Protein backbone atom coordinates (compact mmCIF):
# COMPACT_ATOMS: atom_id res chain seq x y z
CA MET A 1 -0.20 -0.08 -0.22
CA GLU A 2 2.92 2.37 0.79
CA GLN A 3 4.58 1.35 -2.70
CA LYS A 4 1.31 2.26 -4.15
CA ASP A 5 0.73 5.59 -2.50
CA GLY A 6 4.24 6.75 -3.30
CA ALA A 7 3.54 5.89 -7.17
CA CYS A 8 0.46 7.85 -7.06
CA ALA A 9 2.17 10.68 -5.37
CA ALA A 10 4.99 10.54 -7.88
CA GLU A 11 2.66 10.58 -10.58
CA VAL A 12 0.79 13.73 -9.61
CA ALA A 13 4.08 15.55 -8.98
CA ASP A 14 5.14 14.40 -12.28
CA SER A 15 2.06 16.10 -13.77
CA GLY A 16 2.13 18.82 -11.99
CA GLU A 17 5.45 19.31 -13.51
CA GLN A 18 4.33 18.58 -17.19
CA TRP A 19 1.51 21.20 -16.67
CA GLN A 20 3.78 23.90 -15.52
CA ARG A 21 6.28 23.26 -18.59
CA LEU A 22 2.96 23.49 -20.97
CA SER A 23 2.13 26.75 -19.26
CA ALA A 24 5.30 27.98 -21.09
CA TYR A 25 3.64 28.20 -24.28
CA SER A 26 0.07 30.28 -23.03
CA TYR A 27 1.75 33.37 -24.61
CA LEU A 28 1.51 32.18 -28.13
CA SER A 29 -2.18 31.63 -27.73
CA ALA A 30 -2.95 34.69 -26.29
CA PRO A 31 -4.93 37.56 -27.84
CA GLU A 32 -1.71 39.62 -27.23
CA ARG A 33 0.65 36.86 -28.80
CA MET A 34 2.33 39.19 -31.38
CA GLU A 35 3.58 41.22 -28.22
CA TYR A 36 4.39 38.67 -26.14
CA VAL A 37 6.69 37.37 -29.16
CA ALA A 38 8.55 40.28 -29.73
CA VAL A 39 9.31 40.58 -25.83
CA MET A 40 10.42 37.39 -26.36
CA ARG A 41 12.81 37.64 -29.23
CA VAL A 42 14.40 40.83 -27.36
CA LEU A 43 15.24 38.66 -24.12
CA CYS A 44 16.28 35.73 -26.61
CA SER A 45 18.95 38.05 -28.37
CA THR A 46 20.97 38.02 -24.99
CA LEU A 47 23.13 35.50 -23.43
CA LEU A 48 22.65 35.27 -19.43
CA ALA A 49 21.83 39.05 -19.00
CA ASP A 50 18.94 40.77 -17.15
CA LEU A 51 17.35 43.47 -18.59
CA SER A 52 14.91 45.92 -16.62
CA VAL A 53 11.65 47.42 -17.97
CA PRO A 54 13.13 50.56 -19.60
CA ASP A 55 16.16 48.36 -21.35
CA VAL A 56 13.45 46.42 -23.00
CA LEU A 57 11.12 49.22 -23.72
CA ALA A 58 14.24 50.66 -25.66
CA LYS A 59 15.22 47.70 -28.14
CA LEU A 60 11.05 47.20 -28.73
CA THR A 61 10.86 51.07 -29.60
CA THR A 62 14.48 50.69 -32.12
CA GLY A 63 13.08 47.45 -33.50
CA GLY A 64 9.72 48.79 -34.59
CA GLY A 65 6.66 45.80 -34.92
CA PRO A 66 3.79 45.33 -32.34
CA GLY A 67 5.90 45.63 -29.38
CA ALA A 68 6.66 49.53 -30.13
CA ARG A 69 3.13 50.39 -29.58
CA LEU A 70 3.61 49.06 -25.91
CA ASP A 71 4.25 51.56 -22.83
CA ALA A 72 5.67 51.04 -19.56
CA ASP A 73 3.10 50.00 -17.53
CA THR A 74 1.46 47.59 -20.30
CA LEU A 75 4.93 46.17 -20.46
CA THR A 76 5.35 45.73 -17.00
CA ALA A 77 2.03 43.68 -16.91
CA ARG A 78 3.26 41.62 -20.05
CA LEU A 79 6.37 40.42 -18.25
CA ASP A 80 4.77 40.09 -14.98
CA GLN A 81 2.71 37.91 -16.86
CA LEU A 82 5.71 35.91 -18.67
CA VAL A 83 7.09 35.19 -14.79
CA LYS A 84 3.97 33.55 -13.84
CA TRP A 85 4.08 30.86 -16.90
CA GLY A 86 7.49 30.59 -16.35
CA ASN A 87 9.02 31.68 -19.64
CA LEU A 88 10.97 34.78 -17.48
CA LEU A 89 12.42 34.74 -14.31
CA ARG A 90 13.11 37.59 -11.90
CA SER A 91 16.40 38.54 -11.75
CA ALA A 92 18.56 39.18 -8.10
CA HIS A 93 20.92 41.77 -9.78
CA THR A 94 21.98 44.63 -7.53
CA VAL A 95 20.45 48.02 -9.00
CA LYS A 96 22.61 51.34 -9.12
CA ALA A 97 20.34 54.31 -8.90
CA GLY A 98 20.86 57.94 -8.81
CA SER A 99 17.60 58.87 -7.90
CA ILE A 100 13.99 57.52 -6.55
CA VAL A 101 12.39 57.78 -10.02
CA GLU A 102 15.51 55.62 -11.83
CA TYR A 103 15.29 53.04 -8.91
CA GLN A 104 11.52 52.60 -9.42
CA ARG A 105 11.80 52.07 -13.25
CA SER A 106 15.22 49.56 -12.96
CA ARG A 107 14.26 47.73 -9.99
CA SER A 108 12.47 44.78 -12.05
CA ARG A 109 15.04 43.02 -13.82
CA TYR A 110 14.12 39.87 -15.88
CA GLN A 111 16.04 37.13 -17.64
CA LEU A 112 15.09 34.18 -19.73
CA SER A 113 14.54 30.94 -18.22
CA LYS A 114 15.67 27.58 -19.84
CA LEU A 115 12.33 26.54 -20.80
CA GLY A 116 11.32 29.99 -22.14
CA GLU A 117 13.99 30.28 -24.14
CA GLN A 118 13.81 26.45 -25.51
CA VAL A 119 9.63 27.39 -26.45
CA GLN A 120 10.52 30.93 -28.05
CA ARG A 121 13.46 29.15 -30.10
CA ASP A 122 11.11 26.35 -31.54
CA ALA A 123 8.05 28.90 -32.10
CA ASP A 124 10.62 30.92 -34.47
CA GLU A 125 11.56 27.96 -35.97
CA VAL A 126 8.22 27.02 -36.43
CA LEU A 127 7.35 30.82 -37.81
CA ALA A 128 10.38 31.00 -40.11
CA GLY A 129 9.68 27.62 -41.97
CA ALA A 130 6.22 25.88 -41.21
CA ASP A 131 5.37 26.20 -45.05
CA ALA A 132 8.72 25.30 -46.83
CA ALA A 133 9.90 22.55 -48.40
CA ARG A 134 12.78 21.36 -46.34
CA GLU A 135 15.85 19.19 -48.42
CA VAL A 136 16.77 15.91 -46.87
CA SER A 137 20.20 15.69 -46.29
CA SER A 138 20.83 12.33 -47.69
CA GLU A 139 24.71 13.15 -47.74
CA LEU A 140 24.88 12.99 -44.01
CA LEU A 141 23.20 9.17 -44.11
CA ALA A 142 26.58 8.41 -46.09
CA LEU A 143 28.44 10.00 -42.76
CA VAL A 144 26.56 8.22 -40.42
CA ASP A 145 27.49 4.92 -42.16
CA ARG A 146 31.16 5.92 -42.41
CA GLY A 147 31.22 7.13 -38.62
CA LEU A 148 29.69 3.82 -37.45
CA ARG A 149 32.46 1.78 -39.25
CA GLU A 150 35.41 3.79 -38.03
CA LEU A 151 33.62 3.40 -34.14
CA ALA A 152 33.36 -0.08 -34.65
CA GLY A 153 37.29 -0.37 -35.86
CA LEU A 154 38.51 1.55 -32.98
CA VAL A 155 36.53 -0.77 -30.63
CA ALA A 156 37.90 -3.81 -31.96
CA ALA A 157 41.54 -2.56 -32.15
CA PRO A 158 43.82 -3.89 -29.47
CA GLY A 159 43.71 -2.13 -26.28
CA GLY A 160 40.26 -0.75 -27.15
CA ALA A 161 39.25 2.61 -28.29
CA ASP A 162 40.78 5.67 -26.97
CA PRO A 163 37.86 7.40 -24.92
CA GLN A 164 38.48 11.04 -26.43
CA ARG A 165 38.72 10.01 -29.85
CA ALA A 166 35.37 7.91 -29.05
CA LEU A 167 33.80 10.65 -27.91
CA GLU A 168 34.39 13.07 -30.53
CA ARG A 169 33.17 10.20 -33.23
CA ILE A 170 30.27 9.75 -31.37
CA SER A 171 29.10 13.27 -30.71
CA THR A 172 29.89 13.79 -34.66
CA LEU A 173 27.52 10.77 -35.40
CA PHE A 174 24.54 11.50 -33.55
CA VAL A 175 24.76 15.14 -34.59
CA GLN A 176 24.83 14.11 -38.42
CA PHE A 177 21.95 11.38 -37.75
CA ALA A 178 19.54 13.82 -35.51
CA GLU A 179 19.99 16.46 -38.49
CA PHE A 180 19.06 13.74 -41.48
CA ALA A 181 15.94 12.55 -39.06
CA ASP A 182 14.75 15.77 -38.83
CA SER A 183 14.84 16.74 -42.79
CA VAL A 184 13.38 13.68 -43.61
CA ARG A 185 10.32 14.07 -41.25
CA ASP A 186 10.02 17.59 -42.18
CA PHE A 187 10.05 17.04 -45.90
CA TYR A 188 7.50 14.00 -45.84
CA ALA A 189 5.44 16.09 -43.58
CA TYR A 190 5.32 18.90 -46.54
CA LEU A 191 5.00 16.18 -48.92
CA GLY A 192 1.94 15.18 -47.24
CA GLN A 193 0.46 18.46 -46.85
CA VAL A 194 0.59 19.14 -50.84
CA LEU A 195 -0.64 15.72 -51.71
CA ALA A 196 -3.65 16.49 -49.72
CA ARG A 197 -4.63 19.04 -52.09
CA TYR A 198 -7.22 18.20 -54.81
CA ASP A 199 -6.98 21.41 -56.94
CA LEU A 200 -3.97 20.89 -58.45
CA ASP A 201 -3.90 22.04 -62.17
CA GLY A 202 -1.86 20.40 -64.97
CA ALA A 203 1.49 22.49 -64.25
CA GLU A 204 1.38 21.70 -60.69
CA TYR A 205 0.95 17.88 -61.13
CA GLN A 206 4.06 17.82 -63.19
CA GLY A 207 5.97 19.62 -61.22
CA PHE A 208 5.18 17.22 -57.88
CA LYS A 209 5.46 13.99 -60.32
CA GLU A 210 8.82 14.40 -61.00
CA LEU A 211 9.44 15.72 -57.33
CA LEU A 212 7.99 12.23 -56.55
CA LEU A 213 9.72 10.38 -59.41
CA ASP A 214 13.06 11.80 -59.03
CA TYR A 215 13.70 13.23 -55.86
CA VAL A 216 11.50 10.74 -53.29
CA GLU A 217 13.13 7.86 -55.38
CA ALA A 218 16.52 8.95 -54.98
CA ILE A 219 15.69 9.32 -51.20
CA THR A 220 14.43 5.65 -50.63
CA GLU A 221 17.11 3.79 -52.38
CA ASP A 222 19.88 5.73 -50.70
CA VAL A 223 18.02 4.49 -47.67
CA SER A 224 17.59 1.37 -48.53
CA PHE A 225 21.34 1.18 -49.40
CA ARG A 226 22.62 2.24 -46.49
CA SER A 227 20.21 0.90 -44.07
CA PRO A 228 21.56 -3.01 -44.04
CA ARG A 229 25.67 -1.44 -44.00
CA ILE A 230 24.22 0.62 -41.01
CA ALA A 231 22.52 -2.33 -39.27
CA ALA A 232 25.59 -4.57 -39.40
CA SER A 233 27.90 -1.91 -38.02
CA LEU A 234 25.57 -1.66 -35.06
CA ASN A 235 25.33 -5.57 -34.78
CA ALA A 236 29.30 -5.44 -34.22
CA LEU A 237 29.49 -2.51 -31.94
CA TRP A 238 26.68 -3.64 -29.95
CA PRO A 239 28.20 -6.01 -27.33
CA GLY A 240 31.31 -3.60 -26.42
CA LEU A 241 29.08 -0.33 -26.41
CA PRO A 242 27.97 -0.51 -22.72
CA GLY A 243 32.00 -1.01 -21.71
CA LEU A 244 32.71 1.89 -24.12
CA LEU A 245 30.37 4.24 -22.78
CA ALA A 246 31.46 3.39 -19.26
CA ARG A 247 35.25 4.58 -20.05
CA ILE A 248 33.80 7.47 -22.00
CA ASP A 249 32.03 8.38 -18.51
CA ALA A 250 35.12 7.72 -16.74
CA HIS A 251 37.23 10.16 -18.85
CA ALA A 252 34.88 13.17 -19.28
CA THR A 253 32.30 13.36 -16.49
CA GLY A 254 30.91 16.95 -18.01
CA LEU A 255 27.73 17.44 -15.94
CA SER A 256 27.59 14.41 -14.20
CA VAL A 257 29.66 15.66 -11.03
CA LEU A 258 26.55 18.26 -10.76
CA ALA A 259 23.88 15.65 -10.67
CA ASP A 260 25.69 13.62 -7.90
CA GLY A 261 26.31 16.86 -5.74
CA LEU A 262 22.60 17.89 -6.21
CA PRO A 263 20.30 15.14 -6.18
CA GLY A 264 17.40 17.61 -7.00
CA THR A 265 18.94 18.48 -10.54
CA ARG A 266 18.45 16.57 -13.77
CA VAL A 267 21.43 16.23 -16.54
CA GLN A 268 20.69 16.25 -20.17
CA ARG A 269 23.72 14.21 -21.47
CA SER A 270 24.70 14.99 -24.77
CA ARG A 271 23.39 12.63 -27.56
CA GLY A 272 25.10 9.11 -27.52
CA ARG A 273 25.99 9.61 -24.09
CA GLU A 274 23.57 7.11 -23.61
CA MET A 275 22.15 3.68 -24.19
CA ALA A 276 18.79 5.09 -24.78
CA ASP A 277 20.46 7.31 -27.94
CA TRP A 278 21.79 3.88 -29.54
CA GLU A 279 18.41 2.07 -28.96
CA GLY A 280 16.49 4.93 -31.06
CA LEU A 281 19.44 4.71 -33.58
CA ARG A 282 19.43 1.40 -33.99
CA GLY A 283 15.40 0.94 -33.96
CA TRP A 284 15.54 3.79 -37.12
CA PHE A 285 17.17 0.98 -39.42
CA THR A 286 16.25 -2.39 -37.84
CA ASP A 287 13.00 -3.73 -36.30
CA VAL A 288 13.71 -4.29 -33.01
CA ASP A 289 10.43 -4.52 -31.36
CA GLY A 290 8.25 -5.83 -34.22
CA SER A 291 6.35 -2.59 -34.61
CA GLY A 292 8.54 -1.86 -37.62
CA SER A 293 11.58 0.28 -38.11
CA GLN A 294 11.64 3.78 -39.50
CA VAL A 295 13.19 2.83 -43.23
CA ASP A 296 9.99 0.40 -43.54
CA GLN A 297 7.58 3.68 -42.70
CA LEU A 298 10.01 5.65 -45.24
CA ARG A 299 8.78 3.04 -47.84
CA ASP A 300 5.21 3.14 -46.52
CA ALA A 301 5.15 6.63 -46.63
CA THR A 302 6.57 6.78 -50.21
CA LEU A 303 3.70 4.47 -51.69
CA ARG A 304 0.96 6.59 -50.27
CA ALA A 305 2.96 9.12 -52.01
CA LEU A 306 2.44 7.35 -55.18
CA GLN A 307 -1.11 6.54 -54.86
CA SER A 308 -2.00 9.85 -53.88
CA LEU A 309 -0.19 11.27 -56.88
CA LEU A 310 -2.39 8.82 -58.85
CA ALA A 311 -5.67 9.80 -57.52
CA ASN A 312 -4.69 13.56 -58.81
CA ALA A 313 -4.22 11.94 -61.94
CA LYS A 314 -7.15 10.33 -62.17
CA ARG A 315 -8.79 13.85 -61.02
CA LEU A 316 -7.12 15.65 -63.98
CA MET A 317 -8.34 13.25 -66.17
CA ARG A 318 -11.87 13.53 -64.99
CA SER A 319 -11.99 17.16 -65.44
CA ALA A 320 -12.00 16.68 -69.07
CA THR A 321 -16.01 15.21 -68.38
CA GLY A 322 -16.75 18.75 -66.47
CA GLU A 323 -15.90 17.20 -62.65
CA ILE A 324 -13.60 20.17 -62.14
CA SER A 325 -12.87 20.94 -58.19
CA ARG A 326 -14.41 24.03 -56.87
CA ARG A 327 -11.61 24.34 -54.33
CA LYS A 328 -10.14 27.56 -55.66
CA ASP A 329 -13.80 28.79 -56.00
CA LEU A 330 -14.57 28.02 -52.31
CA LEU A 331 -10.95 29.76 -51.32
CA ARG A 332 -12.27 33.12 -53.23
CA LEU A 333 -15.44 32.68 -51.43
CA ALA A 334 -13.38 32.34 -48.17
CA ALA A 335 -11.02 35.45 -48.89
CA TRP A 336 -14.51 37.64 -49.53
CA PHE A 337 -15.70 36.72 -46.52
CA ASP A 338 -12.80 37.39 -44.08
CA ALA A 339 -12.86 41.03 -45.94
CA ALA A 340 -16.16 41.84 -45.05
CA ASP A 341 -18.13 43.29 -42.25
CA PRO A 342 -20.61 41.45 -40.51
CA GLU A 343 -23.66 42.85 -42.69
CA GLY A 344 -21.78 41.69 -45.70
CA ALA A 345 -20.92 38.59 -44.64
CA HIS A 346 -25.01 38.00 -44.12
CA ASP A 347 -25.40 39.17 -47.77
CA ILE A 348 -22.73 36.90 -49.14
CA ALA A 349 -24.31 33.90 -47.24
CA VAL A 350 -27.25 34.34 -48.44
CA ALA A 351 -26.13 34.99 -52.04
CA ALA A 352 -23.84 32.03 -51.93
CA PHE A 353 -26.06 29.18 -50.05
CA GLY A 354 -29.16 30.52 -49.96
CA LEU A 355 -29.06 30.46 -46.04
CA TYR A 356 -30.15 33.16 -44.04
CA GLY A 357 -28.06 33.53 -40.46
CA ALA A 358 -29.22 31.92 -37.52
CA ARG A 359 -30.53 34.34 -34.90
CA HIS A 360 -31.53 31.59 -32.21
CA LEU A 361 -31.47 28.22 -31.66
CA GLY A 362 -35.26 27.93 -29.93
CA VAL A 363 -33.77 27.28 -26.63
CA ALA A 364 -34.66 30.25 -24.24
CA PRO A 365 -31.44 31.13 -21.95
CA ASP A 366 -31.30 31.81 -18.42
CA PRO A 367 -33.45 34.83 -17.49
CA ASP A 368 -31.00 35.87 -14.90
CA GLN A 369 -28.09 36.19 -17.43
CA ALA A 370 -28.42 39.12 -19.62
CA VAL A 371 -25.93 38.43 -22.53
CA PRO A 372 -25.22 41.47 -24.61
CA ALA A 373 -25.42 41.40 -28.60
CA TYR A 374 -22.19 41.84 -29.21
CA VAL A 375 -20.73 38.71 -27.32
CA SER A 376 -19.64 35.97 -29.66
CA TRP A 377 -21.26 32.35 -29.37
CA TRP A 378 -17.39 31.31 -29.02
CA THR A 379 -17.00 32.75 -25.85
CA GLY A 380 -20.51 33.44 -24.48
CA PRO A 381 -22.24 31.33 -22.15
CA VAL A 382 -23.31 27.48 -22.96
CA VAL A 383 -27.05 26.97 -23.33
CA ASP A 384 -28.25 23.31 -22.25
CA VAL A 385 -30.11 21.59 -25.23
CA PRO A 386 -32.58 18.97 -24.41
CA VAL A 387 -31.09 15.44 -25.85
CA ALA A 388 -34.42 14.75 -27.34
CA LEU A 389 -33.97 18.51 -29.57
CA ARG A 390 -29.84 17.39 -29.64
CA GLU A 391 -30.18 14.14 -31.21
CA ARG A 392 -33.68 13.60 -32.47
CA GLY A 393 -34.38 17.56 -33.44
CA SER A 394 -37.92 17.00 -31.81
CA ARG A 395 -39.37 18.89 -28.78
CA ALA A 396 -42.43 16.00 -27.85
CA GLN A 397 -42.23 14.56 -24.93
CA ARG A 398 -41.48 11.02 -24.48
CA GLY A 399 -42.79 8.47 -22.06
CA ARG A 400 -46.25 8.66 -20.25
CA PRO A 401 -47.39 12.17 -18.92
CA ALA A 402 -46.95 12.43 -15.17
CA SER A 403 -49.99 12.68 -12.72
CA VAL A 404 -51.37 15.65 -11.33
CA GLU A 405 -50.03 15.61 -7.57
CA ASN A 406 -53.07 15.46 -5.05
CA HIS A 407 -52.53 18.31 -2.89
CA THR A 408 -55.39 17.53 -0.60
CA GLU A 409 -53.68 16.55 2.36
CA GLN A 410 -51.43 19.86 1.95
CA LYS A 411 -54.42 22.10 2.00
CA ARG A 412 -56.22 20.07 5.05
CA ARG A 413 -52.88 20.80 7.35
CA LEU A 414 -52.79 24.40 6.13
CA VAL A 415 -56.36 24.80 7.07
CA GLU A 416 -55.69 22.88 10.31
CA ARG A 417 -52.42 25.06 11.20
CA GLU A 418 -54.76 28.40 10.61
CA ARG A 419 -57.76 27.21 12.47
CA GLU A 420 -54.97 26.48 15.57
CA ARG A 421 -53.73 29.89 14.90
CA SER A 422 -57.16 31.51 14.98
CA ALA A 423 -58.18 29.58 18.48
CA ALA A 424 -54.17 30.77 19.73
CA ARG A 425 -55.47 34.37 19.19
CA GLU A 426 -59.05 34.08 20.75
CA THR A 427 -57.42 32.66 23.87
CA ALA A 428 -54.95 35.49 23.70
CA ALA A 429 -57.73 38.17 23.41
CA ASP A 430 -59.44 36.63 26.05
CA GLU A 431 -56.60 36.77 28.57
CA LEU A 432 -56.19 40.30 27.37
CA ARG A 433 -59.64 41.13 28.40
CA SER A 434 -59.48 39.24 31.54
CA ALA A 435 -56.23 41.07 32.73
CA ALA A 436 -57.52 44.87 31.62
CA GLU A 437 -56.36 47.54 34.13
CA ARG A 438 -54.61 45.13 36.38
CA PHE A 439 -51.36 44.31 34.02
CA ASP A 440 -49.03 44.71 37.36
CA GLN A 441 -51.09 41.67 38.91
CA VAL A 442 -51.00 39.50 36.35
CA ARG A 443 -48.37 37.38 34.20
CA LEU A 444 -49.12 37.15 30.47
CA THR A 445 -48.48 34.16 28.19
CA SER A 446 -46.51 34.84 25.54
CA ALA A 447 -49.07 34.85 23.15
CA ALA A 448 -51.22 37.13 24.95
CA LEU A 449 -48.00 39.50 25.26
CA SER A 450 -47.52 39.10 21.54
CA LEU A 451 -51.30 40.24 20.54
CA LEU A 452 -50.66 43.13 23.01
CA LEU A 453 -47.62 44.41 21.60
CA GLU A 454 -49.18 44.12 18.12
CA LEU A 455 -52.26 46.36 18.84
CA LEU A 456 -49.88 48.49 20.88
CA THR A 457 -47.66 49.10 17.98
CA ALA A 458 -50.63 49.60 15.46
CA ALA A 459 -52.33 52.44 18.50
CA LEU A 460 -48.76 54.09 18.82
CA GLY A 461 -48.52 54.31 14.72
CA ASN A 462 -51.88 55.81 14.25
CA ALA A 463 -51.35 58.36 17.40
CA GLN A 464 -50.60 62.04 16.79
CA LEU A 465 -48.19 63.50 19.23
CA GLN A 466 -49.39 67.15 19.93
CA ARG A 467 -49.36 70.32 22.26
CA HIS A 468 -52.90 71.89 22.95
CA GLU A 469 -52.93 75.34 23.88
CA GLY A 470 -52.62 76.31 27.54
CA GLN A 471 -51.12 73.07 28.08
CA GLY A 472 -47.59 72.63 29.02
CA ASP A 473 -47.44 68.79 28.04
CA PHE A 474 -47.91 66.45 25.28
CA VAL A 475 -50.90 64.57 24.72
CA LEU A 476 -51.34 61.40 22.64
CA ASP A 477 -54.44 62.09 19.97
CA GLY A 478 -56.26 58.55 18.59
CA ALA A 479 -53.72 56.46 20.19
CA GLN A 480 -55.96 53.09 19.65
CA ALA A 481 -56.34 49.94 17.65
CA GLN A 482 -58.59 47.05 17.38
CA ASP A 483 -59.07 43.52 16.01
CA VAL A 484 -63.03 43.20 14.98
CA ASP A 485 -62.03 39.26 14.52
CA LEU A 486 -61.52 39.00 18.02
CA GLY A 487 -63.65 41.69 19.27
CA ILE A 488 -60.67 43.49 21.22
CA ARG A 489 -59.56 47.36 21.73
CA LEU A 490 -56.65 48.99 23.09
CA LEU A 491 -56.76 52.38 24.40
CA VAL A 492 -53.44 54.29 25.10
CA ARG A 493 -53.16 57.14 27.15
CA ARG A 494 -50.24 59.48 27.97
CA THR A 495 -50.15 59.71 31.66
CA PRO A 496 -46.89 61.67 33.36
CA GLY A 497 -45.20 60.15 36.15
CA THR A 498 -47.00 56.62 35.47
CA GLU A 499 -45.15 53.29 34.65
CA THR A 500 -47.20 50.46 33.39
CA VAL A 501 -45.33 46.94 33.69
CA LEU A 502 -46.30 43.69 31.51
CA ARG A 503 -45.04 41.03 32.99
CA SER A 504 -44.85 37.51 30.94
CA ALA A 505 -42.91 34.37 30.41
CA ASP A 506 -40.31 36.12 28.08
CA GLY A 507 -39.70 39.20 30.65
CA ASP A 508 -41.11 42.14 31.54
CA LEU A 509 -41.35 45.06 29.52
CA ALA A 510 -41.87 48.64 31.17
CA LEU A 511 -43.73 51.52 29.46
CA ALA A 512 -42.98 54.76 30.71
CA ASP A 513 -45.94 57.69 31.20
CA LEU A 514 -48.21 55.40 29.26
CA ARG A 515 -51.23 53.79 30.43
CA LEU A 516 -53.17 50.84 28.40
CA SER A 517 -56.74 49.83 28.71
CA VAL A 518 -58.28 46.70 26.94
CA LEU A 519 -61.95 46.82 25.79
CA SER A 520 -64.32 44.80 23.97
CA VAL A 521 -65.13 46.29 20.89
CA PRO A 522 -69.10 46.95 21.69
CA ASP A 523 -67.78 48.33 25.31
CA ALA A 524 -65.56 50.61 23.76
CA GLU A 525 -68.29 51.55 20.93
CA ALA A 526 -71.00 52.19 24.26
CA SER A 527 -67.85 53.96 26.30
CA SER A 528 -67.41 56.40 23.35
CA GLY A 529 -70.79 57.49 22.93
CA GLY A 530 -70.63 59.05 26.67
CA GLY A 531 -67.55 61.27 25.69
CA ALA A 532 -63.92 61.23 25.26
CA ALA A 533 -62.16 59.10 27.40
CA PRO A 534 -59.45 60.87 29.88
CA GLY A 535 -56.82 62.24 28.76
CA GLU A 536 -57.83 62.19 25.20
CA GLY A 537 -59.24 64.69 22.64
CA ALA A 538 -62.44 65.01 21.53
CA ASN A 539 -61.59 63.84 17.99
CA ALA A 540 -60.32 60.94 19.39
CA ALA A 541 -63.59 60.13 20.98
CA GLN A 542 -65.63 60.76 18.00
CA ASP A 543 -63.28 58.18 15.84
CA LEU A 544 -64.28 55.15 18.34
CA THR A 545 -67.43 55.23 16.28
CA GLY A 546 -66.29 55.66 13.13
CA PRO A 547 -65.28 52.97 10.67
CA MET A 548 -61.44 51.66 11.56
CA PRO A 549 -59.21 51.08 8.63
CA ARG A 550 -57.16 47.88 8.11
CA THR A 551 -53.27 48.62 8.46
CA ALA A 552 -52.31 45.03 9.57
CA PRO A 553 -53.53 41.76 9.11
CA SER A 554 -56.11 41.15 11.37
CA VAL A 555 -55.98 44.39 13.11
CA ARG A 556 -58.34 47.59 12.83
CA GLU A 557 -56.93 50.84 13.90
CA SER A 558 -58.34 54.12 14.32
CA ALA A 559 -57.80 57.03 11.81
């Protein structure tokens, strides 16, 4: 179990390291890719040097191109982003500045990382010759054959091969082989790209026919002639190869000492110093594992190229009957689309294909997510399309329709809950009527106190605080509220110097300068006919007999 956990941890660590390495390619696909490439080219033009923002900005301005439009702030943001991706490193160079402004501009210095330099070098190589036809360095194959025979002779000599001479021969041998193998791969990739076209005219077909029949045939014959001799030299050299590499390692240690001194440092040996390099060389010319050698794949690729050439020849013969490829016409149409504005592109599509632009798919987006009209479908939010609509183009519901849900039990529970609530409020109203005028002597229940506070809040909200003429104190006019359904009314009087204490199971509430009176609705109407209550104005007494507007659920209050 511990070994399995260790293997999983190592696999996770390798995945994280690979992800970090792949992040170094992010700037090549960013929207500002041309600016990033210009910055990386400036830093790649130096060796083991760190540059500040003003240095990079000056070189970009001098070189022109997309990077010349960058200002200092934008360039700093680009450099910091390259540091996050792993293409650049922050330098620990000591800054010598004569002023604070000069220090602020020069304190951030950047230098290339090994990964960033390699990625930019590969990118420049792709940009320089991606579409070019690369010649196959067939003369290098003869040099590889000669070098292997000479190395086999050195090993077979009395006393063995001299380590220094053997190292020089191996280094030269693998450089020549790597250049030859790369040129073969690049040429056949270009050849496959060309033969995939189906719009070759007569002149182009004639040129590619001569290319296949002459150039490719010469390459194939040369490889077929040299491969058995190279395989024989490798077979003769193979038994003594481990000992030869060990003697070379003892003679020229190179950077292997660094790897031994620093366990966390990996050293990439020069080609030919490891057995894996020799196994790759042997697998190119000999079928080792049964999957075929590279020479066999080269013959198969040549055969497929000839078949493609025959397919183009058949197409040219059919062109006389009117079956002509429309690829050039489609390319011309694509150029029109590329140069047109959005409205013109819609018109071209209608004229060319008779199809009008799609405005929607019939699937409503999320109503809470507003998407502007200028947002592209490529970067916009994704709408979930039902499986039936996506696969069958049908909106019809499949299967039996669901039965209507029966809510009788839910309705019964809601009615029962409301009945219990009404009964509890009636009980609380009876308790308040029995405790009227003696609140300081009884302890109310929570329901009774809640109802009393509800009426008190409504009464104080309906009241008007006024100072009448000839009186030095304030009085409350119309401080009353009632609940017709419960048949209860609350009168609130302001009496300076008094205090009403409401005691309940939830605690005590003291009301300063207020006196409360709880009446039944018929009793309150009878008492209002005889005149105003003490401490209240005439208007308040008249309002007791009038209709009570409803300002809260189940509560009627005076105007």
